């Protein structure tokens, strides 16, 4: 390489380092001015980094793995109940992420009905469920020995089904969501009232 080429290469490297320093300074200034509140919308840089982290969270050997659990109505029913009981608190029954926790995580819980999730491979979805994603609110589910792998693969089928959820399925899931003792009593009183009991339905509570 000639001296001129070294000179040009040095200028390019210097420009890249300078650009990196500028980005770091800008980020630090924003942090000092605005703090690190989880209420803020992620910047474009943070969004890009989060997506890359999600991609890197999946081992290359898993990315092309196919779901080994055959799809059936029974499998979807099991996964739907599992989702309502374990996942809906953050992801919502319909996968929109529109829950109190989902809206206030940083980064926010994604809408899993959208292409950015639906276009992930089965292996990627399974790996994210099983291993979680660092620096996000997504924990690892199941034990490291793989005893829960079948349940996680069933959830992959349910995630694929999210864009096609029916009103009847959503209504069923609402009865399966975790509830406080007061909510259980209210639901049972309403069921008794609808069944013809003389017990008046309890007043609705808004939180």
Protein backbone atom coordinates (compact mmCIF):
# COMPACT_ATOMS: atom_id res chain seq x y z
CA UNK A 1 0.00 0.00 0.00
CA UNK A 2 1.40 3.39 -1.01
CA UNK A 3 1.92 6.34 1.31
CA UNK A 4 -1.05 8.07 -0.35
CA UNK A 5 -3.31 5.11 0.36
CA UNK A 6 -2.16 5.06 4.00
CA UNK A 7 -2.90 8.77 4.19
CA UNK A 8 -6.46 8.28 2.83
CA UNK A 9 -7.06 5.31 5.12
CA UNK A 10 -5.90 7.32 8.10
CA UNK A 11 -8.30 10.14 7.23
CA UNK A 12 -11.23 7.71 6.92
CA UNK A 13 -10.42 6.12 10.28
CA UNK A 14 -10.06 9.52 11.91
CA UNK A 15 -13.42 10.59 10.49
CA UNK A 16 -15.08 7.40 11.79
CA UNK A 17 -13.59 7.87 15.25
CA UNK A 18 -14.68 11.51 15.27
CA UNK A 19 -18.23 10.51 14.26
CA UNK A 20 -18.31 7.92 17.02
CA UNK A 21 -17.15 10.45 19.59
CA UNK A 22 -19.83 12.90 18.43
CA UNK A 23 -22.55 10.23 18.79
CA UNK A 24 -21.34 9.37 22.31
CA UNK A 25 -21.28 13.03 23.31
CA UNK A 26 -24.80 13.58 21.95
CA UNK A 27 -26.10 10.53 23.82
CA UNK A 28 -24.46 11.68 27.06
CA UNK A 29 -25.93 15.17 26.69
CA UNK A 30 -29.40 13.71 26.14
CA UNK A 31 -29.02 11.46 29.18
CA UNK A 32 -27.91 14.37 31.37
CA UNK A 33 -30.81 16.51 30.19
CA UNK A 34 -33.58 13.94 30.13
CA UNK A 35 -32.40 11.20 32.48
CA UNK A 36 -33.03 7.51 31.83
CA UNK A 37 -36.79 7.31 32.26
CA UNK A 38 -38.45 4.19 30.85
CA UNK A 39 -41.36 6.42 29.79
CA UNK A 40 -39.40 7.83 26.86
CA UNK A 41 -39.66 6.33 23.39
CA UNK A 42 -36.46 4.52 22.38
CA UNK A 43 -34.27 6.40 19.92
CA UNK A 44 -33.67 5.01 16.43
CA UNK A 45 -30.20 3.92 17.51
CA UNK A 46 -31.57 2.09 20.56
CA UNK A 47 -34.27 0.43 18.46
CA UNK A 48 -31.69 -0.77 15.95
CA UNK A 49 -29.47 -2.08 18.75
CA UNK A 50 -32.39 -3.86 20.44
CA UNK A 51 -33.33 -5.62 17.19
CA UNK A 52 -29.74 -6.68 16.63
CA UNK A 53 -29.52 -7.98 20.21
CA UNK A 54 -32.71 -9.96 19.63
CA UNK A 55 -31.17 -11.42 16.48
CA UNK A 56 -27.93 -12.28 18.27
CA UNK A 57 -29.90 -13.85 21.14
CA UNK A 58 -30.67 -16.80 18.89
CA UNK A 59 -27.79 -19.28 18.38
CA UNK A 60 -27.10 -19.76 14.68
CA UNK A 61 -27.81 -23.48 15.07
CA UNK A 62 -31.37 -22.68 16.21
CA UNK A 63 -32.38 -20.09 13.60
CA UNK A 64 -33.56 -22.56 10.99
CA UNK A 65 -35.04 -25.09 13.43
CA UNK A 66 -38.59 -26.15 12.59
CA UNK A 67 -41.35 -26.64 15.10
CA UNK A 68 -41.29 -30.36 16.03
CA UNK A 69 -44.76 -30.22 17.65
CA UNK A 70 -47.53 -30.96 15.13
CA UNK A 71 -50.18 -28.24 14.96
CA UNK A 72 -53.66 -29.24 16.13
CA UNK A 73 -56.69 -27.69 17.79
CA UNK A 74 -55.68 -29.28 21.08
CA UNK A 75 -52.15 -27.86 20.88
CA UNK A 76 -53.51 -24.38 20.17
CA UNK A 77 -55.95 -24.68 23.10
CA UNK A 78 -53.12 -25.66 25.47
CA UNK A 79 -50.91 -22.84 24.24
CA UNK A 80 -53.78 -20.34 24.42
CA UNK A 81 -54.38 -21.23 28.08
CA UNK A 82 -50.65 -21.09 28.82
CA UNK A 83 -50.37 -17.68 27.16
CA UNK A 84 -53.37 -16.28 29.05
CA UNK A 85 -51.97 -17.44 32.38
CA UNK A 86 -48.24 -16.72 31.91
CA UNK A 87 -47.67 -14.29 29.02
CA UNK A 88 -50.66 -11.97 28.78
CA UNK A 89 -49.62 -9.83 31.75
CA UNK A 90 -46.97 -8.24 29.53
CA UNK A 91 -48.01 -9.21 26.00
CA UNK A 92 -51.84 -8.94 26.37
CA UNK A 93 -54.18 -11.73 25.31
CA UNK A 94 -54.09 -10.54 21.70
CA UNK A 95 -50.30 -10.11 21.57
CA UNK A 96 -50.52 -6.33 21.18
CA UNK A 97 -48.40 -5.62 24.27
CA UNK A 98 -51.04 -3.08 25.33
CA UNK A 99 -50.93 -3.76 29.07
CA UNK A 100 -49.76 -1.63 31.97
CA UNK A 101 -46.49 -3.54 32.16
CA UNK A 102 -46.02 -3.89 28.41
CA UNK A 103 -46.49 -0.17 27.76
CA UNK A 104 -44.01 0.81 30.48
CA UNK A 105 -41.14 -1.57 29.75
CA UNK A 106 -38.05 -0.21 27.99
CA UNK A 107 -38.00 -1.13 25.21
CA UNK A 108 -41.77 -1.49 25.14
CA UNK A 109 -43.29 -4.92 24.56
CA UNK A 110 -43.66 -5.36 20.78
CA UNK A 111 -46.93 -6.01 18.98
CA UNK A 112 -46.40 -9.66 18.16
CA UNK A 113 -49.07 -9.65 15.47
CA UNK A 114 -46.90 -7.45 13.28
CA UNK A 115 -44.44 -8.63 10.60
CA UNK A 116 -41.32 -7.91 12.68
CA UNK A 117 -42.34 -10.81 14.94
CA UNK A 118 -44.31 -12.95 12.52
CA UNK A 119 -41.41 -13.02 10.05
CA UNK A 120 -39.06 -14.53 12.63
CA UNK A 121 -38.35 -18.22 12.11
CA UNK A 122 -39.81 -20.87 14.41
CA UNK A 123 -36.33 -21.40 15.83
CA UNK A 124 -35.90 -17.71 16.60
CA UNK A 125 -39.26 -17.51 18.37
CA UNK A 126 -38.51 -20.66 20.37
CA UNK A 127 -35.06 -19.41 21.37
CA UNK A 128 -36.42 -16.04 22.52
CA UNK A 129 -39.05 -17.78 24.69
CA UNK A 130 -36.64 -20.36 26.10
CA UNK A 131 -33.56 -18.19 26.62
CA UNK A 132 -34.96 -14.66 26.93
CA UNK A 133 -33.22 -11.55 25.59
CA UNK A 134 -30.67 -9.63 27.60
CA UNK A 135 -31.21 -5.92 28.34
CA UNK A 136 -34.97 -6.25 27.72
CA UNK A 137 -37.93 -7.28 29.87
CA UNK A 138 -38.02 -10.73 28.24
CA UNK A 139 -36.95 -13.42 30.75
CA UNK A 140 -35.94 -16.99 29.98
CA UNK A 141 -38.80 -19.49 30.40
CA UNK A 142 -38.45 -23.15 31.20
CA UNK A 143 -35.55 -25.04 32.71
CA UNK A 144 -32.13 -25.36 31.14
CA UNK A 145 -32.54 -29.14 30.85
CA UNK A 146 -35.29 -28.70 28.27
CA UNK A 147 -38.17 -30.30 30.18
CA UNK A 148 -40.45 -27.44 29.10
CA UNK A 149 -39.39 -27.33 25.45
CA UNK A 150 -42.62 -28.89 24.19
CA UNK A 151 -44.68 -26.17 25.90
CA UNK A 152 -42.47 -23.48 24.38
CA UNK A 153 -42.86 -24.96 20.91
CA UNK A 154 -46.63 -24.93 21.42
CA UNK A 155 -46.37 -21.23 22.24
CA UNK A 156 -44.63 -20.72 18.89
CA UNK A 157 -47.76 -22.12 17.21
CA UNK A 158 -49.90 -19.74 19.26
CA UNK A 159 -47.76 -16.73 18.31
CA UNK A 160 -48.34 -17.62 14.66
CA UNK A 161 -52.06 -17.72 15.43
CA UNK A 162 -52.19 -14.28 17.11
CA UNK A 163 -53.22 -12.33 13.98
CA UNK A 164 -56.18 -14.71 13.56
CA UNK A 165 -57.53 -14.75 17.14
CA UNK A 166 -61.31 -14.74 17.29
CA UNK A 167 -63.56 -12.84 19.69
CA UNK A 168 -64.58 -16.17 21.24
CA UNK A 169 -60.97 -17.14 21.89
CA UNK A 170 -60.24 -13.75 23.49
CA UNK A 171 -63.32 -14.08 25.72
CA UNK A 172 -62.16 -17.52 26.86
CA UNK A 173 -58.67 -16.18 27.59
CA UNK A 174 -60.08 -13.45 29.82
CA UNK A 175 -61.43 -16.14 32.14
CA UNK A 176 -57.96 -17.71 32.30
CA UNK A 177 -55.97 -14.56 33.08
CA UNK A 178 -54.47 -14.34 36.60
CA UNK A 179 -56.90 -12.71 39.03
CA UNK A 180 -56.88 -11.32 42.55
CA UNK A 181 -59.25 -12.90 45.13
CA UNK A 182 -61.61 -9.93 44.70
CA UNK A 183 -61.65 -10.40 40.93
CA UNK A 184 -62.40 -14.13 41.34
CA UNK A 185 -65.31 -13.34 43.66
CA UNK A 186 -66.65 -10.75 41.23
CA UNK A 187 -66.41 -13.17 38.31
CA UNK A 188 -68.16 -15.95 40.26
CA UNK A 189 -70.94 -13.57 41.35
CA UNK A 190 -71.49 -12.47 37.76
CA UNK A 191 -71.58 -16.10 36.61
CA UNK A 192 -74.16 -16.94 39.30
CA UNK A 193 -76.27 -13.94 38.30
CA UNK A 194 -76.19 -14.91 34.62
CA UNK A 195 -77.13 -18.47 35.56
CA UNK A 196 -80.36 -17.20 37.12
CA UNK A 197 -79.38 -16.75 40.75
CA UNK A 198 -81.01 -13.98 42.75
CA UNK A 199 -77.59 -12.63 43.67
CA UNK A 200 -77.07 -9.21 42.16
CA UNK A 201 -73.87 -8.74 40.15
CA UNK A 202 -71.19 -6.85 42.08
CA UNK A 203 -70.29 -3.31 41.01
CA UNK A 204 -67.46 -3.01 38.54
CA UNK A 205 -64.11 -1.85 39.87
CA UNK A 206 -61.78 0.28 37.77
CA UNK A 207 -58.08 0.41 38.52
